[in-house]
Amino acid sequence: MGLQMYWRVSVGSAALAVLMTGPLEQPAHADSTTTIVNEGSGMCVEVAPPVNDPTNFGFNGLNVVQAPCNGSLEQLWDFQFSRLTQFGSLTVPVYHLVNHRSGMCMDLTDGNLTDGTHIQQWTCGTSTTMDWIPNFGSSSFANISSARSLAAFKNQCLDIRGGSLQSGAIVQIYTTTQEPTNTAQRFSYIRP
C-alpha cells in the first residue's frame, strides 16, 4: 500500500505546477460515491430539478446548486476515473463527477471559461467540459479544479456563487484563490 496521492494544481503566467507527495495512485475517494460539501455553507452540492417537474432529474442543462444535506440521491456523486493527463512532466488523474440520481456528469456550461459560468449536468461523454481534478489533499477541505481551464493555463475551480450561505446558490467556475479563507471554493468529500 503506497502513500495517498496529494496534488495542488496552480497556474502562473507561463507554467503549471503540480506538487505531489507519494506515488501516483487513485485517491481513496476515486470510483466511489460521496457527497460534496461546501466548507463555507456546510451544504451539499446537488442537481436542481426543473421547477415544473421537481421529481424529474433526467434533463441535460439542469443547474448544479448547493442545498442542505439530506442524503438524497441528487446529492450523491460518483468520482469516476476518466483518464490521465499531462501537465509538464507530471501525470495527473482526471475524473468525471457523475450524479447518482440522474447518471449525468457535472459539466462546465458550453465549455465557457469565463468566471461565473454556472455548472450544469449533461449526458456523460468525452468532452473536456466534464473533466475535473479533485484535490484529494491532506486537509479535510480542498478545491475541485476544471481540467479544461488548467489546460488553457487558467486556474479555475468549483465555487459557490458569491460565497452564498443560501440554499439554491449556483455552483460556478471561478478563478482559484489559494487562500484557505475562501471557503466558497473548498469542499469535502463524505461517503454516505
N, C-alpha and C. Protein backbone atom coordinates (compact mmCIF):
# COMPACT_ATOMS: atom_id res chain seq x y z
N MET A 1 0.85 -1.17 0.00
CA MET A 1 0.00 0.00 0.00
C MET A 1 0.90 1.24 0.00
N GLY A 2 0.75 2.08 -1.01
CA GLY A 2 1.56 3.29 -1.14
C GLY A 2 0.95 4.45 -0.38
N LEU A 3 1.62 5.57 -0.44
CA LEU A 3 1.11 6.79 0.18
C LEU A 3 -0.05 7.33 -0.63
N GLN A 4 -0.97 8.00 0.04
CA GLN A 4 -2.10 8.62 -0.65
C GLN A 4 -1.61 9.76 -1.53
N MET A 5 -2.21 9.92 -2.69
CA MET A 5 -1.86 10.97 -3.64
C MET A 5 -2.32 12.33 -3.11
N TYR A 6 -1.50 13.32 -3.26
CA TYR A 6 -1.86 14.70 -2.95
C TYR A 6 -1.31 15.57 -4.05
N TRP A 7 -2.12 16.45 -4.58
CA TRP A 7 -1.61 17.38 -5.56
C TRP A 7 -2.37 18.68 -5.47
N ARG A 8 -1.70 19.72 -5.81
CA ARG A 8 -2.31 21.04 -5.92
C ARG A 8 -1.87 21.56 -7.27
N VAL A 9 -2.85 21.96 -8.06
CA VAL A 9 -2.54 22.47 -9.39
C VAL A 9 -2.72 23.97 -9.36
N SER A 10 -1.71 24.69 -9.79
CA SER A 10 -1.82 26.14 -9.85
C SER A 10 -1.20 26.63 -11.14
N VAL A 11 -1.72 27.72 -11.63
CA VAL A 11 -1.27 28.24 -12.92
C VAL A 11 -0.63 29.59 -12.71
N GLY A 12 0.57 29.74 -13.20
CA GLY A 12 1.25 31.03 -13.21
C GLY A 12 1.13 31.62 -14.60
N SER A 13 1.92 32.63 -14.87
CA SER A 13 1.83 33.27 -16.18
C SER A 13 2.32 32.37 -17.30
N ALA A 14 3.21 31.44 -17.00
CA ALA A 14 3.74 30.63 -18.09
C ALA A 14 3.83 29.15 -17.76
N ALA A 15 3.56 28.75 -16.54
CA ALA A 15 3.79 27.35 -16.21
C ALA A 15 2.71 26.82 -15.28
N LEU A 16 2.61 25.52 -15.26
CA LEU A 16 1.69 24.81 -14.41
C LEU A 16 2.52 24.02 -13.41
N ALA A 17 2.17 24.09 -12.16
CA ALA A 17 2.95 23.36 -11.15
C ALA A 17 2.04 22.40 -10.42
N VAL A 18 2.46 21.18 -10.26
CA VAL A 18 1.71 20.19 -9.51
C VAL A 18 2.64 19.63 -8.45
N LEU A 19 2.25 19.73 -7.20
CA LEU A 19 3.05 19.23 -6.09
C LEU A 19 2.48 17.89 -5.67
N MET A 20 3.34 16.91 -5.49
CA MET A 20 2.86 15.58 -5.14
C MET A 20 3.67 15.04 -3.97
N THR A 21 2.99 14.28 -3.09
CA THR A 21 3.70 13.52 -2.08
C THR A 21 3.23 12.09 -2.25
N GLY A 22 4.13 11.17 -2.37
CA GLY A 22 3.76 9.78 -2.56
C GLY A 22 3.65 9.42 -4.01
N PRO A 23 3.53 8.13 -4.29
CA PRO A 23 3.44 7.65 -5.66
C PRO A 23 2.07 7.95 -6.26
N LEU A 24 2.00 7.92 -7.60
CA LEU A 24 0.76 8.16 -8.30
C LEU A 24 -0.17 6.97 -8.11
N GLU A 25 -1.28 7.19 -7.47
CA GLU A 25 -2.30 6.17 -7.33
C GLU A 25 -3.63 6.89 -7.16
N GLN A 26 -4.72 6.16 -7.41
CA GLN A 26 -6.01 6.80 -7.28
C GLN A 26 -6.31 7.03 -5.81
N PRO A 27 -6.83 8.22 -5.49
CA PRO A 27 -7.17 8.52 -4.10
C PRO A 27 -8.27 7.60 -3.59
N ALA A 28 -8.40 7.54 -2.28
CA ALA A 28 -9.39 6.67 -1.66
C ALA A 28 -10.80 6.99 -2.12
N HIS A 29 -11.07 8.25 -2.49
CA HIS A 29 -12.41 8.65 -2.90
C HIS A 29 -12.70 8.31 -4.36
N ALA A 30 -11.69 7.94 -5.13
CA ALA A 30 -11.88 7.67 -6.54
C ALA A 30 -12.79 6.47 -6.73
N ASP A 31 -13.60 6.54 -7.79
CA ASP A 31 -14.52 5.46 -8.13
C ASP A 31 -15.38 5.05 -6.94
N SER A 32 -15.84 6.05 -6.17
CA SER A 32 -16.73 5.78 -5.06
C SER A 32 -17.79 6.88 -5.00
N THR A 33 -18.85 6.60 -4.28
CA THR A 33 -19.95 7.54 -4.14
C THR A 33 -19.73 8.40 -2.91
N THR A 34 -19.85 9.73 -3.09
CA THR A 34 -19.67 10.65 -1.99
C THR A 34 -20.67 11.79 -2.09
N THR A 35 -20.83 12.52 -1.00
CA THR A 35 -21.46 13.83 -1.06
C THR A 35 -20.32 14.84 -1.12
N ILE A 36 -20.58 15.96 -1.78
CA ILE A 36 -19.61 17.04 -1.89
C ILE A 36 -20.16 18.20 -1.06
N VAL A 37 -19.47 18.53 0.02
CA VAL A 37 -19.97 19.50 0.99
C VAL A 37 -19.10 20.76 0.94
N ASN A 38 -19.75 21.93 0.79
CA ASN A 38 -19.01 23.19 0.78
C ASN A 38 -18.63 23.58 2.21
N GLU A 39 -17.39 24.01 2.36
CA GLU A 39 -16.90 24.37 3.69
C GLU A 39 -17.63 25.59 4.25
N GLY A 40 -17.86 26.60 3.42
CA GLY A 40 -18.45 27.84 3.90
C GLY A 40 -19.88 27.71 4.38
N SER A 41 -20.69 27.01 3.60
CA SER A 41 -22.12 26.90 3.93
C SER A 41 -22.46 25.63 4.68
N GLY A 42 -21.61 24.61 4.57
CA GLY A 42 -21.93 23.31 5.15
C GLY A 42 -23.00 22.58 4.37
N MET A 43 -23.34 23.09 3.17
CA MET A 43 -24.37 22.47 2.35
C MET A 43 -23.77 21.55 1.30
N CYS A 44 -24.62 20.66 0.79
CA CYS A 44 -24.22 19.68 -0.21
C CYS A 44 -24.46 20.20 -1.62
N VAL A 45 -23.61 19.76 -2.54
CA VAL A 45 -23.76 20.07 -3.96
C VAL A 45 -24.76 19.07 -4.53
N GLU A 46 -25.74 19.57 -5.29
CA GLU A 46 -26.76 18.70 -5.87
C GLU A 46 -27.22 19.23 -7.22
N VAL A 47 -27.94 18.38 -7.94
CA VAL A 47 -28.59 18.79 -9.18
C VAL A 47 -29.96 19.32 -8.80
N ALA A 48 -30.32 20.51 -9.34
CA ALA A 48 -31.63 21.11 -9.06
C ALA A 48 -32.62 20.65 -10.12
N PRO A 49 -33.75 20.08 -9.72
CA PRO A 49 -34.74 19.64 -10.71
C PRO A 49 -35.46 20.83 -11.33
N PRO A 50 -36.10 20.62 -12.48
CA PRO A 50 -36.87 21.72 -13.07
C PRO A 50 -38.05 22.09 -12.16
N VAL A 51 -38.37 23.36 -12.11
CA VAL A 51 -39.45 23.85 -11.24
C VAL A 51 -40.78 23.19 -11.60
N ASN A 52 -41.04 22.98 -12.89
CA ASN A 52 -42.33 22.43 -13.31
C ASN A 52 -42.41 20.91 -13.20
N ASP A 53 -41.32 20.24 -12.83
CA ASP A 53 -41.31 18.79 -12.69
C ASP A 53 -40.25 18.39 -11.66
N PRO A 54 -40.51 18.67 -10.36
CA PRO A 54 -39.47 18.54 -9.33
C PRO A 54 -39.00 17.12 -9.04
N THR A 55 -39.57 16.12 -9.69
CA THR A 55 -39.09 14.75 -9.47
C THR A 55 -38.32 14.20 -10.67
N ASN A 56 -38.18 15.01 -11.72
CA ASN A 56 -37.52 14.53 -12.93
C ASN A 56 -36.13 15.16 -13.06
N PHE A 57 -35.11 14.35 -12.86
CA PHE A 57 -33.73 14.83 -12.90
C PHE A 57 -33.03 14.44 -14.19
N GLY A 58 -33.76 13.93 -15.18
CA GLY A 58 -33.16 13.38 -16.37
C GLY A 58 -32.97 14.33 -17.53
N PHE A 59 -32.84 15.61 -17.27
CA PHE A 59 -32.69 16.60 -18.34
C PHE A 59 -31.26 17.13 -18.40
N ASN A 60 -30.74 17.28 -19.62
CA ASN A 60 -29.49 18.00 -19.82
C ASN A 60 -29.70 19.46 -19.45
N GLY A 61 -28.69 20.08 -18.88
CA GLY A 61 -28.74 21.51 -18.60
C GLY A 61 -29.27 21.91 -17.25
N LEU A 62 -29.65 20.95 -16.40
CA LEU A 62 -30.11 21.32 -15.06
C LEU A 62 -28.92 21.88 -14.27
N ASN A 63 -29.19 22.93 -13.50
CA ASN A 63 -28.15 23.59 -12.71
C ASN A 63 -27.66 22.70 -11.57
N VAL A 64 -26.40 22.89 -11.24
CA VAL A 64 -25.83 22.30 -10.03
C VAL A 64 -25.81 23.42 -9.00
N VAL A 65 -26.36 23.14 -7.82
CA VAL A 65 -26.53 24.14 -6.77
C VAL A 65 -26.10 23.53 -5.43
N GLN A 66 -26.18 24.35 -4.38
CA GLN A 66 -26.00 23.82 -3.03
C GLN A 66 -27.34 23.80 -2.33
N ALA A 67 -27.50 22.85 -1.42
CA ALA A 67 -28.74 22.72 -0.63
C ALA A 67 -28.39 22.01 0.67
N PRO A 68 -29.24 22.16 1.69
CA PRO A 68 -28.97 21.44 2.94
C PRO A 68 -28.81 19.94 2.68
N CYS A 69 -27.82 19.35 3.30
CA CYS A 69 -27.55 17.92 3.12
C CYS A 69 -28.72 17.11 3.68
N ASN A 70 -29.22 16.18 2.87
CA ASN A 70 -30.35 15.37 3.31
C ASN A 70 -30.23 13.90 2.89
N GLY A 71 -29.11 13.53 2.28
CA GLY A 71 -28.89 12.13 1.90
C GLY A 71 -29.61 11.70 0.64
N SER A 72 -30.22 12.64 -0.08
CA SER A 72 -30.95 12.28 -1.30
C SER A 72 -30.00 11.88 -2.42
N LEU A 73 -30.51 11.15 -3.38
CA LEU A 73 -29.68 10.67 -4.49
C LEU A 73 -29.10 11.80 -5.33
N GLU A 74 -29.82 12.93 -5.43
CA GLU A 74 -29.30 14.04 -6.22
C GLU A 74 -28.09 14.70 -5.55
N GLN A 75 -27.82 14.36 -4.30
CA GLN A 75 -26.65 14.89 -3.60
C GLN A 75 -25.49 13.89 -3.57
N LEU A 76 -25.65 12.76 -4.21
CA LEU A 76 -24.59 11.76 -4.25
C LEU A 76 -23.88 11.83 -5.60
N TRP A 77 -22.57 11.82 -5.56
CA TRP A 77 -21.74 11.93 -6.76
C TRP A 77 -20.74 10.78 -6.79
N ASP A 78 -20.58 10.20 -7.97
CA ASP A 78 -19.57 9.17 -8.18
C ASP A 78 -18.36 9.82 -8.83
N PHE A 79 -17.21 9.68 -8.19
CA PHE A 79 -15.94 10.14 -8.77
C PHE A 79 -15.45 9.00 -9.66
N GLN A 80 -15.70 9.12 -10.96
CA GLN A 80 -15.32 8.06 -11.90
C GLN A 80 -14.05 8.45 -12.64
N PHE A 81 -13.04 7.62 -12.49
CA PHE A 81 -11.78 7.88 -13.18
C PHE A 81 -12.05 7.97 -14.68
N SER A 82 -11.54 9.04 -15.30
CA SER A 82 -11.74 9.26 -16.73
C SER A 82 -10.48 8.96 -17.53
N ARG A 83 -9.38 9.60 -17.11
CA ARG A 83 -8.13 9.45 -17.86
C ARG A 83 -7.00 10.06 -17.07
N LEU A 84 -5.81 9.91 -17.59
CA LEU A 84 -4.64 10.60 -17.05
C LEU A 84 -4.30 11.73 -18.01
N THR A 85 -3.84 12.85 -17.48
CA THR A 85 -3.44 13.96 -18.33
C THR A 85 -2.06 14.44 -17.89
N GLN A 86 -1.36 15.03 -18.83
CA GLN A 86 0.00 15.53 -18.58
C GLN A 86 -0.02 17.02 -18.32
N PHE A 87 0.65 17.44 -17.29
CA PHE A 87 0.95 18.84 -17.02
C PHE A 87 2.47 18.91 -16.89
N GLY A 88 3.13 19.30 -17.96
CA GLY A 88 4.59 19.27 -17.98
C GLY A 88 5.04 17.83 -17.90
N SER A 89 5.88 17.52 -16.93
CA SER A 89 6.38 16.16 -16.77
C SER A 89 5.54 15.32 -15.81
N LEU A 90 4.49 15.90 -15.26
CA LEU A 90 3.66 15.20 -14.28
C LEU A 90 2.39 14.65 -14.91
N THR A 91 1.99 13.50 -14.46
CA THR A 91 0.75 12.87 -14.90
C THR A 91 -0.26 12.97 -13.77
N VAL A 92 -1.44 13.48 -14.07
CA VAL A 92 -2.46 13.72 -13.06
C VAL A 92 -3.76 13.01 -13.47
N PRO A 93 -4.43 12.30 -12.55
CA PRO A 93 -5.70 11.67 -12.89
C PRO A 93 -6.83 12.69 -12.99
N VAL A 94 -7.72 12.44 -13.93
CA VAL A 94 -8.88 13.30 -14.19
C VAL A 94 -10.13 12.45 -13.95
N TYR A 95 -11.17 13.07 -13.42
CA TYR A 95 -12.39 12.36 -13.07
C TYR A 95 -13.62 12.99 -13.71
N HIS A 96 -14.64 12.17 -13.93
CA HIS A 96 -15.99 12.66 -14.20
C HIS A 96 -16.72 12.58 -12.87
N LEU A 97 -17.51 13.60 -12.56
CA LEU A 97 -18.33 13.60 -11.35
C LEU A 97 -19.75 13.29 -11.81
N VAL A 98 -20.20 12.09 -11.54
CA VAL A 98 -21.47 11.58 -12.06
C VAL A 98 -22.52 11.61 -10.96
N ASN A 99 -23.64 12.28 -11.25
CA ASN A 99 -24.72 12.37 -10.27
C ASN A 99 -25.41 11.02 -10.13
N HIS A 100 -25.62 10.62 -8.88
CA HIS A 100 -26.17 9.29 -8.61
C HIS A 100 -27.62 9.16 -9.06
N ARG A 101 -28.41 10.21 -8.95
CA ARG A 101 -29.82 10.12 -9.35
C ARG A 101 -29.98 10.10 -10.86
N SER A 102 -29.31 11.02 -11.55
CA SER A 102 -29.54 11.17 -13.00
C SER A 102 -28.59 10.33 -13.85
N GLY A 103 -27.43 9.97 -13.31
CA GLY A 103 -26.43 9.27 -14.11
C GLY A 103 -25.72 10.20 -15.09
N MET A 104 -25.90 11.52 -14.92
CA MET A 104 -25.28 12.50 -15.80
C MET A 104 -24.07 13.14 -15.12
N CYS A 105 -23.21 13.75 -15.95
CA CYS A 105 -21.96 14.32 -15.46
C CYS A 105 -22.08 15.80 -15.12
N MET A 106 -21.28 16.20 -14.11
CA MET A 106 -21.10 17.62 -13.82
C MET A 106 -20.34 18.21 -15.01
N ASP A 107 -20.82 19.35 -15.53
CA ASP A 107 -20.34 19.88 -16.80
C ASP A 107 -20.21 21.39 -16.74
N LEU A 108 -19.15 21.91 -17.34
CA LEU A 108 -18.94 23.34 -17.48
C LEU A 108 -19.79 23.83 -18.65
N THR A 109 -20.80 24.63 -18.38
CA THR A 109 -21.77 25.03 -19.39
C THR A 109 -21.11 25.63 -20.63
N ASP A 110 -21.40 25.03 -21.77
CA ASP A 110 -20.89 25.47 -23.08
C ASP A 110 -19.37 25.55 -23.14
N GLY A 111 -18.69 24.92 -22.20
CA GLY A 111 -17.23 24.98 -22.19
C GLY A 111 -16.69 26.37 -21.94
N ASN A 112 -17.54 27.25 -21.43
CA ASN A 112 -17.19 28.66 -21.23
C ASN A 112 -16.28 28.82 -20.02
N LEU A 113 -15.10 29.37 -20.23
CA LEU A 113 -14.13 29.56 -19.14
C LEU A 113 -14.20 30.94 -18.51
N THR A 114 -15.28 31.66 -18.73
CA THR A 114 -15.47 32.96 -18.10
C THR A 114 -15.84 32.75 -16.63
N ASP A 115 -15.17 33.46 -15.72
CA ASP A 115 -15.54 33.39 -14.31
C ASP A 115 -17.04 33.64 -14.16
N GLY A 116 -17.69 32.82 -13.37
CA GLY A 116 -19.12 32.96 -13.12
C GLY A 116 -19.98 32.04 -13.97
N THR A 117 -19.39 31.31 -14.90
CA THR A 117 -20.17 30.37 -15.71
C THR A 117 -20.71 29.27 -14.80
N HIS A 118 -22.02 29.04 -14.89
CA HIS A 118 -22.62 28.05 -13.98
C HIS A 118 -22.31 26.62 -14.43
N ILE A 119 -22.35 25.74 -13.46
CA ILE A 119 -22.12 24.31 -13.69
C ILE A 119 -23.49 23.66 -13.86
N GLN A 120 -23.55 22.74 -14.81
CA GLN A 120 -24.79 22.04 -15.12
C GLN A 120 -24.52 20.54 -15.14
N GLN A 121 -25.59 19.76 -15.32
CA GLN A 121 -25.40 18.34 -15.59
C GLN A 121 -25.65 18.12 -17.07
N TRP A 122 -24.94 17.13 -17.63
CA TRP A 122 -25.08 16.82 -19.06
C TRP A 122 -24.78 15.33 -19.24
N THR A 123 -25.35 14.75 -20.28
CA THR A 123 -25.08 13.36 -20.58
C THR A 123 -23.57 13.14 -20.68
N CYS A 124 -23.06 12.17 -19.94
CA CYS A 124 -21.62 11.93 -19.89
C CYS A 124 -21.08 11.57 -21.28
N GLY A 125 -19.90 12.09 -21.56
CA GLY A 125 -19.24 11.81 -22.83
C GLY A 125 -17.75 12.06 -22.70
N THR A 126 -17.14 12.41 -23.81
CA THR A 126 -15.69 12.60 -23.82
C THR A 126 -15.27 14.07 -23.81
N SER A 127 -16.22 14.98 -23.70
CA SER A 127 -15.91 16.41 -23.69
C SER A 127 -15.05 16.77 -22.49
N THR A 128 -14.08 17.63 -22.70
CA THR A 128 -13.23 18.09 -21.59
C THR A 128 -13.99 19.00 -20.63
N THR A 129 -15.20 19.42 -20.99
CA THR A 129 -16.01 20.22 -20.08
C THR A 129 -16.49 19.41 -18.88
N MET A 130 -16.33 18.10 -18.95
CA MET A 130 -16.75 17.19 -17.87
C MET A 130 -15.58 16.68 -17.06
N ASP A 131 -14.39 17.20 -17.32
CA ASP A 131 -13.17 16.71 -16.67
C ASP A 131 -12.82 17.56 -15.45
N TRP A 132 -12.64 16.89 -14.31
CA TRP A 132 -12.38 17.57 -13.04
C TRP A 132 -11.18 16.92 -12.35
N ILE A 133 -10.42 17.75 -11.66
CA ILE A 133 -9.27 17.28 -10.89
C ILE A 133 -9.52 17.65 -9.43
N PRO A 134 -10.10 16.70 -8.68
CA PRO A 134 -10.30 16.97 -7.26
C PRO A 134 -8.95 16.97 -6.54
N ASN A 135 -8.79 17.90 -5.63
CA ASN A 135 -7.58 17.95 -4.82
C ASN A 135 -7.84 17.10 -3.59
N PHE A 136 -7.45 15.84 -3.65
CA PHE A 136 -7.61 14.94 -2.51
C PHE A 136 -6.42 15.16 -1.59
N GLY A 137 -6.42 16.29 -0.92
CA GLY A 137 -5.26 16.69 -0.13
C GLY A 137 -5.28 16.16 1.27
N SER A 138 -4.32 16.63 2.03
CA SER A 138 -4.18 16.19 3.40
C SER A 138 -5.16 16.91 4.32
N SER A 139 -5.75 18.01 3.85
CA SER A 139 -6.74 18.74 4.62
C SER A 139 -8.12 18.13 4.36
N SER A 140 -9.07 18.35 5.25
CA SER A 140 -10.40 17.79 5.03
C SER A 140 -11.19 18.58 4.00
N PHE A 141 -10.75 19.79 3.63
CA PHE A 141 -11.41 20.58 2.61
C PHE A 141 -10.40 20.96 1.52
N ALA A 142 -10.82 20.90 0.28
CA ALA A 142 -9.93 21.21 -0.84
C ALA A 142 -10.77 21.65 -2.04
N ASN A 143 -10.10 22.18 -3.07
CA ASN A 143 -10.85 22.62 -4.25
C ASN A 143 -10.96 21.50 -5.28
N ILE A 144 -11.86 21.73 -6.25
CA ILE A 144 -12.07 20.82 -7.37
C ILE A 144 -11.82 21.63 -8.64
N SER A 145 -10.69 21.38 -9.29
CA SER A 145 -10.26 22.18 -10.44
C SER A 145 -10.86 21.67 -11.74
N SER A 146 -11.09 22.59 -12.67
CA SER A 146 -11.51 22.24 -14.02
C SER A 146 -10.28 21.88 -14.84
N ALA A 147 -10.22 20.64 -15.32
CA ALA A 147 -9.08 20.22 -16.16
C ALA A 147 -9.04 21.05 -17.44
N ARG A 148 -10.20 21.43 -17.97
CA ARG A 148 -10.24 22.24 -19.19
C ARG A 148 -9.58 23.59 -18.96
N SER A 149 -9.87 24.23 -17.82
CA SER A 149 -9.28 25.54 -17.55
C SER A 149 -7.78 25.43 -17.32
N LEU A 150 -7.35 24.37 -16.66
CA LEU A 150 -5.92 24.20 -16.41
C LEU A 150 -5.16 23.99 -17.72
N ALA A 151 -5.77 23.25 -18.66
CA ALA A 151 -5.14 23.03 -19.96
C ALA A 151 -5.02 24.34 -20.73
N ALA A 152 -5.91 25.29 -20.45
CA ALA A 152 -5.87 26.60 -21.11
C ALA A 152 -5.05 27.60 -20.29
N PHE A 153 -4.30 27.11 -19.30
CA PHE A 153 -3.48 27.94 -18.42
C PHE A 153 -4.29 28.98 -17.66
N LYS A 154 -5.52 28.58 -17.30
CA LYS A 154 -6.36 29.35 -16.39
C LYS A 154 -6.54 28.45 -15.17
N ASN A 155 -6.51 29.00 -14.02
CA ASN A 155 -6.62 28.20 -12.80
C ASN A 155 -8.00 28.45 -12.20
N GLN A 156 -8.97 27.61 -12.60
CA GLN A 156 -10.34 27.78 -12.13
C GLN A 156 -10.83 26.51 -11.45
N CYS A 157 -11.73 26.71 -10.51
CA CYS A 157 -12.28 25.58 -9.76
C CYS A 157 -13.75 25.84 -9.46
N LEU A 158 -14.40 24.80 -8.90
CA LEU A 158 -15.79 24.97 -8.47
C LEU A 158 -15.84 26.00 -7.36
N ASP A 159 -16.93 26.77 -7.35
CA ASP A 159 -17.08 27.90 -6.44
C ASP A 159 -18.57 28.11 -6.20
N ILE A 160 -18.95 28.42 -4.97
CA ILE A 160 -20.35 28.78 -4.68
C ILE A 160 -20.49 30.27 -4.97
N ARG A 161 -21.40 30.60 -5.88
CA ARG A 161 -21.55 31.98 -6.35
C ARG A 161 -21.71 32.95 -5.18
N GLY A 162 -20.82 33.94 -5.15
CA GLY A 162 -20.87 34.99 -4.14
C GLY A 162 -20.58 34.51 -2.73
N GLY A 163 -20.09 33.28 -2.59
CA GLY A 163 -19.86 32.75 -1.24
C GLY A 163 -21.16 32.60 -0.46
N SER A 164 -22.25 32.45 -1.18
CA SER A 164 -23.58 32.41 -0.57
C SER A 164 -23.71 31.29 0.47
N LEU A 165 -24.49 31.58 1.48
CA LEU A 165 -24.83 30.60 2.50
C LEU A 165 -26.27 30.10 2.31
N GLN A 166 -26.90 30.52 1.21
CA GLN A 166 -28.30 30.21 0.95
C GLN A 166 -28.48 28.93 0.14
N SER A 167 -29.52 28.21 0.45
CA SER A 167 -29.90 27.04 -0.35
C SER A 167 -30.26 27.50 -1.75
N GLY A 168 -29.88 26.74 -2.75
CA GLY A 168 -30.18 27.09 -4.14
C GLY A 168 -29.10 27.92 -4.81
N ALA A 169 -28.06 28.32 -4.07
CA ALA A 169 -26.98 29.11 -4.67
C ALA A 169 -26.31 28.27 -5.76
N ILE A 170 -26.01 28.93 -6.86
CA ILE A 170 -25.41 28.29 -8.04
C ILE A 170 -23.96 27.89 -7.77
N VAL A 171 -23.60 26.70 -8.26
CA VAL A 171 -22.20 26.30 -8.30
C VAL A 171 -21.67 26.78 -9.65
N GLN A 172 -20.55 27.46 -9.62
CA GLN A 172 -19.99 28.07 -10.83
C GLN A 172 -18.50 27.74 -10.93
N ILE A 173 -17.90 28.15 -12.04
CA ILE A 173 -16.45 28.07 -12.20
C ILE A 173 -15.90 29.47 -11.91
N TYR A 174 -14.77 29.52 -11.21
CA TYR A 174 -14.20 30.82 -10.86
C TYR A 174 -12.69 30.66 -10.66
N THR A 175 -11.96 31.75 -10.88
CA THR A 175 -10.52 31.72 -10.68
C THR A 175 -10.21 31.28 -9.25
N THR A 176 -9.34 30.29 -9.15
CA THR A 176 -8.98 29.74 -7.85
C THR A 176 -8.14 30.72 -7.06
N THR A 177 -8.54 30.94 -5.82
CA THR A 177 -7.70 31.69 -4.90
C THR A 177 -7.07 30.66 -3.98
N GLN A 178 -5.81 30.78 -3.74
CA GLN A 178 -5.11 29.79 -2.91
C GLN A 178 -5.23 30.11 -1.42
N GLU A 179 -6.12 31.04 -1.10
CA GLU A 179 -6.30 31.43 0.29
C GLU A 179 -7.24 30.46 0.99
N PRO A 180 -6.83 29.89 2.11
CA PRO A 180 -7.70 28.95 2.82
C PRO A 180 -8.96 29.62 3.38
N THR A 181 -8.98 30.96 3.41
CA THR A 181 -10.16 31.64 3.92
C THR A 181 -11.29 31.72 2.89
N ASN A 182 -11.02 31.40 1.62
CA ASN A 182 -12.07 31.42 0.60
C ASN A 182 -12.82 30.10 0.63
N THR A 183 -13.73 29.98 1.58
CA THR A 183 -14.45 28.73 1.80
C THR A 183 -15.48 28.44 0.70
N ALA A 184 -15.77 29.41 -0.17
CA ALA A 184 -16.69 29.17 -1.29
C ALA A 184 -16.08 28.18 -2.28
N GLN A 185 -14.75 28.01 -2.25
CA GLN A 185 -14.06 27.14 -3.19
C GLN A 185 -13.52 25.86 -2.55
N ARG A 186 -13.89 25.63 -1.32
CA ARG A 186 -13.35 24.46 -0.62
C ARG A 186 -14.48 23.48 -0.29
N PHE A 187 -14.21 22.23 -0.60
CA PHE A 187 -15.22 21.18 -0.45
C PHE A 187 -14.62 19.96 0.23
N SER A 188 -15.47 19.22 0.92
CA SER A 188 -15.05 17.93 1.47
C SER A 188 -15.84 16.85 0.75
N TYR A 189 -15.32 15.65 0.79
CA TYR A 189 -15.94 14.51 0.13
C TYR A 189 -16.30 13.52 1.22
N ILE A 190 -17.58 13.29 1.42
CA ILE A 190 -18.03 12.47 2.53
C ILE A 190 -18.81 11.27 1.99
N ARG A 191 -18.36 10.09 2.35
CA ARG A 191 -19.08 8.89 1.93
C ARG A 191 -20.34 8.73 2.77
N PRO A 192 -21.45 8.42 2.11
CA PRO A 192 -22.72 8.26 2.87
C PRO A 192 -22.71 7.02 3.74
